[in-house]
Amino acid sequence: MIRGLFEARCGIMIRESKRTVLETRVAARLTQLGLSGLQAYVRYLGHGENGRREFTWLTNQLTTNKTSFFRESHHFDYLHETLLLPRLEEARRTKRPPRIRLWSAACSTGQEPYSLAIRALESWRSEPAASVRILATDLDTDVLAHAEAAVYNRPPESELDDRLVKKYFLKGVGEQAGKVRVRPEVRERIRFAQLNLKSEPWPDLGIFDAVFCRNVLIYFSPEEQRRVALRLREHLKDGGLLMIGHSENLLRLQDRLQPLRNTIYRRRSAVPE
C-alpha cells in the first residue's frame, strides 16, 4: 500500500530489499502518531499540510543518497573536453567571459554540484570573470540541507587531491577537526531547490548546457524513465549533454537523445514527428 503510494507520487519503485526497512519505520511512525494501522496512515498522508510534511519525512527515509566527489569521473572529463575547453577558446576569440549553466538533477548531499563547480573553475582558472551557474535539486529535503551546509568529512585522496582540498575547502578546527567546508566562492555559484521529477508541472528551471541525472532513472518504471528523460531533454540547449548513471541507458530514445559514450547523450536538434 505504502510502496504503491510512493511510486504514484514520486515515480520511484521501492525494491523488495527495502520492504523490511519500510515496514519497520512505518510501524514505529504509527505509534508516534497514534494511528491504528496502514489505512489510517495513508489517509493521514493525504490530508493537508500535516500530510505533506509527513510524506516529505517518509521520502527522506526511503531514498538512497550514496554519492562522492567526482563520482564516475569520466563524465567530468568529458564535460571538460567537449564543453569547458571549447567554451574557453571561444571566449578568448570573442574577448567575452566564458559562461556555462549546469543542472544536477539528483544532487543528494551536494558532492556532485560542488564537483561540477570545481571542474568548471579549474578549467577556466585563467578567466576570473567566468560565469558558472549550477542548479542542484533533489527530492529529499534532509540531503538538501546537508548540501547547502557544505560541510563534509575530509574527502579521501581518491576523490580530491590535496591541492583541490586546499584551494576549494576550508579546514575545520576544534569540534570540526577532520571536516572541511566548501569555500563561499564555490557555494555562491550553486542554487539548491527541492524537486520531485514526477511532479506536474516543473517550475521554470530554464535551459542548460548539460544535465546530470545519475543513478535515479534506475528506480523508475520504463515508462517513467522515458517520460522523465524527455522532460530533461526539454531543458537542454540544442547539442546539450545529458549524463546518466552507469546502470542506466536511454537507447530507446536515440531519435531524441544521441548516444555519444557510455551513459552520455546529446540532445538532437531535429525530432521527426
Protein backbone atom coordinates (compact mmCIF):
# COMPACT_ATOMS: atom_id res chain seq x y z
CA MET A 1 0.00 0.00 0.00
CA ILE A 2 2.71 2.49 1.02
CA ARG A 3 5.00 1.30 -1.77
CA GLY A 4 2.26 1.91 -4.33
CA LEU A 5 1.56 5.38 -2.96
CA PHE A 6 5.26 6.25 -3.07
CA GLU A 7 5.57 5.09 -6.67
CA ALA A 8 2.44 7.01 -7.69
CA ARG A 9 3.66 10.28 -6.18
CA CYS A 10 7.39 10.08 -6.88
CA GLY A 11 7.69 7.54 -9.68
CA ILE A 12 10.25 5.64 -7.60
CA MET A 13 9.84 1.90 -7.26
CA ILE A 14 10.74 0.69 -3.76
CA ARG A 15 12.67 -2.53 -4.16
CA GLU A 16 11.73 -5.68 -2.28
CA SER A 17 15.06 -5.46 -0.46
CA LYS A 18 13.81 -2.27 1.24
CA ARG A 19 10.49 -3.74 2.29
CA THR A 20 11.65 -4.62 5.81
CA VAL A 21 13.12 -1.14 6.31
CA LEU A 22 9.87 0.42 5.12
CA GLU A 23 7.68 -1.75 7.37
CA THR A 24 9.87 -1.14 10.43
CA ARG A 25 9.95 2.63 10.03
CA VAL A 26 6.27 2.97 9.24
CA ALA A 27 5.32 0.74 12.23
CA ALA A 28 7.33 2.98 14.56
CA ARG A 29 5.77 6.04 12.97
CA LEU A 30 2.24 4.73 13.55
CA THR A 31 3.00 4.56 17.27
CA GLN A 32 4.47 8.07 17.30
CA LEU A 33 1.42 9.50 15.53
CA GLY A 34 -1.12 7.46 17.49
CA LEU A 35 -2.57 5.88 14.33
CA SER A 36 -4.27 2.48 14.28
CA GLY A 37 -2.81 0.99 11.09
CA LEU A 38 -1.68 1.44 7.50
CA GLN A 39 -5.04 2.60 6.18
CA ALA A 40 -5.14 5.34 8.79
CA TYR A 41 -1.58 6.30 7.88
CA VAL A 42 -2.42 6.51 4.16
CA ARG A 43 -5.39 8.76 4.99
CA TYR A 44 -3.09 10.90 7.15
CA LEU A 45 -0.64 11.27 4.25
CA GLY A 46 -3.43 12.59 2.06
CA HIS A 47 -4.68 15.39 4.30
CA GLY A 48 -3.44 18.97 4.35
CA GLU A 49 -0.14 20.40 5.47
CA ASN A 50 0.48 17.66 8.05
CA GLY A 51 0.13 15.05 5.33
CA ARG A 52 2.56 16.90 3.04
CA ARG A 53 5.11 17.19 5.83
CA GLU A 54 4.68 13.51 6.66
CA PHE A 55 5.17 12.45 3.06
CA THR A 56 8.37 14.51 2.97
CA TRP A 57 9.55 12.68 6.10
CA LEU A 58 8.69 9.31 4.53
CA THR A 59 10.52 10.23 1.33
CA ASN A 60 13.63 11.17 3.28
CA GLN A 61 13.58 7.76 4.99
CA LEU A 62 13.34 5.74 1.80
CA THR A 63 15.55 7.47 -0.76
CA THR A 64 19.13 6.33 -1.31
CA ASN A 65 21.78 9.06 -1.24
CA LYS A 66 25.13 7.40 -1.84
CA THR A 67 27.50 9.82 -3.57
CA SER A 68 31.04 11.17 -3.55
CA PHE A 69 33.13 13.91 -5.12
CA PHE A 70 33.83 13.35 -8.83
CA ARG A 71 31.94 10.08 -8.83
CA GLU A 72 32.04 8.49 -12.31
CA SER A 73 34.91 10.78 -13.21
CA HIS A 74 34.65 10.15 -16.97
CA HIS A 75 31.60 12.43 -17.02
CA PHE A 76 33.63 15.33 -15.62
CA ASP A 77 36.47 14.61 -18.06
CA TYR A 78 34.03 14.65 -20.98
CA LEU A 79 32.47 17.90 -19.76
CA HIS A 80 35.96 19.43 -19.65
CA GLU A 81 36.93 18.20 -23.12
CA THR A 82 33.73 18.93 -25.04
CA LEU A 83 32.16 21.92 -23.29
CA LEU A 84 34.54 23.72 -20.96
CA LEU A 85 37.67 23.88 -23.13
CA PRO A 86 35.82 24.83 -26.35
CA ARG A 87 33.87 27.47 -24.44
CA LEU A 88 37.16 28.86 -23.11
CA GLU A 89 38.68 29.01 -26.61
CA GLU A 90 35.57 30.79 -27.89
CA ALA A 91 35.74 33.30 -25.04
CA ARG A 92 39.33 34.11 -25.89
CA ARG A 93 38.43 34.71 -29.54
CA THR A 94 35.47 36.93 -28.71
CA LYS A 95 37.10 38.52 -25.64
CA ARG A 96 33.98 37.74 -23.59
CA PRO A 97 33.99 35.77 -20.33
CA PRO A 98 33.02 32.11 -20.73
CA ARG A 99 29.60 31.09 -19.41
CA ILE A 100 28.03 27.77 -18.54
CA ARG A 101 24.79 26.66 -16.89
CA LEU A 102 24.50 23.16 -15.42
CA TRP A 103 21.82 21.18 -13.60
CA SER A 104 22.48 18.47 -11.04
CA ALA A 105 19.01 16.89 -11.06
CA ALA A 106 19.58 14.47 -8.16
CA CYS A 107 22.21 16.27 -6.15
CA SER A 108 21.92 14.26 -2.91
CA THR A 109 24.27 15.70 -0.25
CA GLY A 110 25.92 18.06 -2.71
CA GLN A 111 29.15 16.41 -3.82
CA GLU A 112 28.01 16.34 -7.45
CA PRO A 113 27.19 20.06 -7.92
CA TYR A 114 30.28 21.10 -5.97
CA SER A 115 32.37 18.80 -8.18
CA LEU A 116 30.82 20.43 -11.24
CA ALA A 117 31.66 23.89 -9.93
CA ILE A 118 35.23 22.89 -9.11
CA ARG A 119 35.71 21.29 -12.54
CA ALA A 120 34.50 24.45 -14.29
CA LEU A 121 36.58 26.76 -12.11
CA GLU A 122 39.66 24.64 -12.70
CA SER A 123 39.09 24.58 -16.46
CA TRP A 124 38.59 28.35 -16.51
CA ARG A 125 41.03 29.38 -13.79
CA SER A 126 42.67 31.89 -16.15
CA GLU A 127 39.31 33.68 -16.54
CA PRO A 128 38.30 35.26 -13.22
CA ALA A 129 35.14 36.78 -14.78
CA ALA A 130 33.84 33.37 -15.92
CA SER A 131 30.16 32.72 -15.17
CA VAL A 132 29.39 29.30 -13.69
CA ARG A 133 25.81 28.76 -12.56
CA ILE A 134 24.52 25.43 -11.27
CA LEU A 135 21.03 24.39 -10.24
CA ALA A 136 21.04 21.49 -7.76
CA THR A 137 17.77 19.70 -6.99
CA ASP A 138 16.68 16.65 -5.06
CA LEU A 139 13.53 15.07 -3.70
CA ASP A 140 14.96 14.62 -0.19
CA THR A 141 14.91 17.76 1.98
CA ASP A 142 17.35 16.30 4.52
CA VAL A 143 20.12 15.82 1.96
CA LEU A 144 19.44 19.27 0.51
CA ALA A 145 20.02 20.78 3.95
CA HIS A 146 23.29 18.84 4.18
CA ALA A 147 24.29 20.04 0.71
CA GLU A 148 23.60 23.69 1.50
CA ALA A 149 25.62 23.44 4.72
CA ALA A 150 28.53 22.21 2.55
CA VAL A 151 30.35 20.51 5.45
CA TYR A 152 31.94 17.10 4.81
CA ASN A 153 34.38 14.66 6.26
CA ARG A 154 37.70 15.33 4.57
CA PRO A 155 37.46 13.66 1.15
CA PRO A 156 39.94 10.82 0.55
CA GLU A 157 42.76 11.31 -1.94
CA SER A 158 40.87 9.14 -4.43
CA GLU A 159 38.15 11.81 -4.64
CA LEU A 160 40.07 15.08 -4.27
CA ASP A 161 43.82 15.58 -4.12
CA ASP A 162 45.40 17.85 -1.54
CA ARG A 163 45.74 20.75 -3.96
CA LEU A 164 42.00 20.88 -4.67
CA VAL A 165 41.12 20.50 -0.99
CA LYS A 166 43.40 23.40 -0.05
CA LYS A 167 42.10 25.56 -2.88
CA TYR A 168 38.35 24.99 -2.63
CA PHE A 169 37.70 24.00 1.01
CA LEU A 170 38.15 25.49 4.47
CA LYS A 171 39.70 23.21 7.07
CA GLY A 172 37.69 22.60 10.25
CA VAL A 173 39.20 23.24 13.67
CA GLY A 174 38.16 22.33 17.23
CA GLU A 175 34.95 20.32 17.17
CA GLN A 176 35.04 20.43 13.35
CA ALA A 177 38.54 18.93 13.12
CA GLY A 178 38.70 16.33 10.36
CA LYS A 179 35.96 18.10 8.42
CA VAL A 180 36.06 20.62 5.58
CA ARG A 181 33.62 23.21 4.25
CA VAL A 182 33.29 24.29 0.65
CA ARG A 183 34.55 27.84 0.21
CA PRO A 184 31.97 30.62 -0.34
CA GLU A 185 33.25 31.40 -3.85
CA VAL A 186 32.21 27.88 -4.86
CA ARG A 187 28.96 27.74 -2.87
CA GLU A 188 27.70 31.03 -4.31
CA ARG A 189 27.60 29.51 -7.79
CA ILE A 190 25.01 26.88 -6.81
CA ARG A 191 21.29 27.22 -6.10
CA PHE A 192 19.62 24.36 -4.23
CA ALA A 193 15.91 23.55 -4.52
CA GLN A 194 13.58 20.64 -3.85
CA LEU A 195 12.14 19.00 -6.95
CA ASN A 196 10.11 15.83 -7.47
CA LEU A 197 10.96 14.68 -11.00
CA LYS A 198 7.47 13.17 -11.24
CA SER A 199 5.68 16.39 -10.28
CA GLU A 200 3.42 18.24 -12.71
CA PRO A 201 4.40 20.79 -13.80
CA TRP A 202 8.04 21.50 -13.05
CA PRO A 203 8.82 25.11 -12.16
CA ASP A 204 10.51 27.33 -14.73
CA LEU A 205 14.03 25.93 -14.50
CA GLY A 206 15.50 27.45 -17.65
CA ILE A 207 17.80 25.91 -20.24
CA PHE A 208 21.13 24.21 -19.52
CA ASP A 209 24.34 23.30 -21.30
CA ALA A 210 24.41 19.94 -19.50
CA VAL A 211 22.21 17.99 -17.11
CA PHE A 212 23.49 15.35 -14.69
CA CYS A 213 20.71 12.95 -13.66
CA ARG A 214 22.65 9.93 -12.47
CA ASN A 215 21.50 6.79 -10.69
CA VAL A 216 17.89 7.96 -10.47
CA LEU A 217 16.16 6.59 -13.56
CA ILE A 218 17.01 3.06 -12.43
CA TYR A 219 14.37 3.42 -9.69
CA PHE A 220 11.63 4.33 -12.20
CA SER A 221 9.46 2.10 -14.34
CA PRO A 222 10.42 2.00 -18.06
CA GLU A 223 7.51 4.30 -18.90
CA GLU A 224 8.50 6.78 -16.20
CA GLN A 225 12.16 6.66 -17.32
CA ARG A 226 11.12 7.69 -20.83
CA ARG A 227 8.84 10.47 -19.62
CA VAL A 228 11.43 11.97 -17.26
CA ALA A 229 14.23 11.70 -19.83
CA LEU A 230 12.15 13.58 -22.40
CA ARG A 231 11.34 16.27 -19.86
CA LEU A 232 15.04 16.63 -19.03
CA ARG A 233 15.72 16.94 -22.75
CA GLU A 234 13.37 19.94 -22.91
CA HIS A 235 15.72 21.78 -20.56
CA LEU A 236 18.82 21.20 -22.68
CA LYS A 237 20.17 23.50 -25.34
CA ASP A 238 20.42 22.00 -28.81
CA GLY A 239 23.51 19.82 -28.59
CA GLY A 240 23.43 19.93 -24.78
CA LEU A 241 24.65 16.93 -22.79
CA LEU A 242 22.70 14.54 -20.57
CA MET A 243 24.70 12.35 -18.18
CA ILE A 244 23.01 9.34 -16.56
CA GLY A 245 24.16 6.59 -14.19
CA HIS A 246 26.39 3.64 -15.06
CA SER A 247 23.47 1.17 -14.73
CA GLU A 248 21.11 3.19 -16.93
CA ASN A 249 20.58 3.66 -20.65
CA LEU A 250 18.27 5.63 -22.96
CA LEU A 251 18.82 3.70 -26.17
CA ARG A 252 15.08 3.67 -26.86
CA LEU A 253 15.26 7.46 -27.28
CA GLN A 254 18.02 7.64 -29.91
CA ASP A 255 15.82 9.77 -32.16
CA ARG A 256 15.84 12.49 -29.49
CA LEU A 257 18.98 11.83 -27.46
CA GLN A 258 22.06 10.80 -29.42
CA PRO A 259 24.32 8.35 -27.54
CA LEU A 260 27.91 9.61 -27.51
CA ARG A 261 29.79 7.49 -25.00
CA ASN A 262 28.71 5.14 -22.25
CA THR A 263 25.90 6.96 -20.28
CA ILE A 264 26.49 10.25 -22.16
CA TYR A 265 23.86 11.62 -24.56
CA ARG A 266 23.45 14.74 -26.68
CA ARG A 267 20.15 16.48 -27.39
CA ARG A 268 19.29 16.11 -31.03
CA SER A 269 18.04 19.37 -32.52
CA ALA A 270 15.67 17.85 -35.08
CA VAL A 271 13.00 15.42 -33.91
CA PRO A 272 10.86 13.67 -36.54
CA GLU A 273 7.17 13.96 -35.81
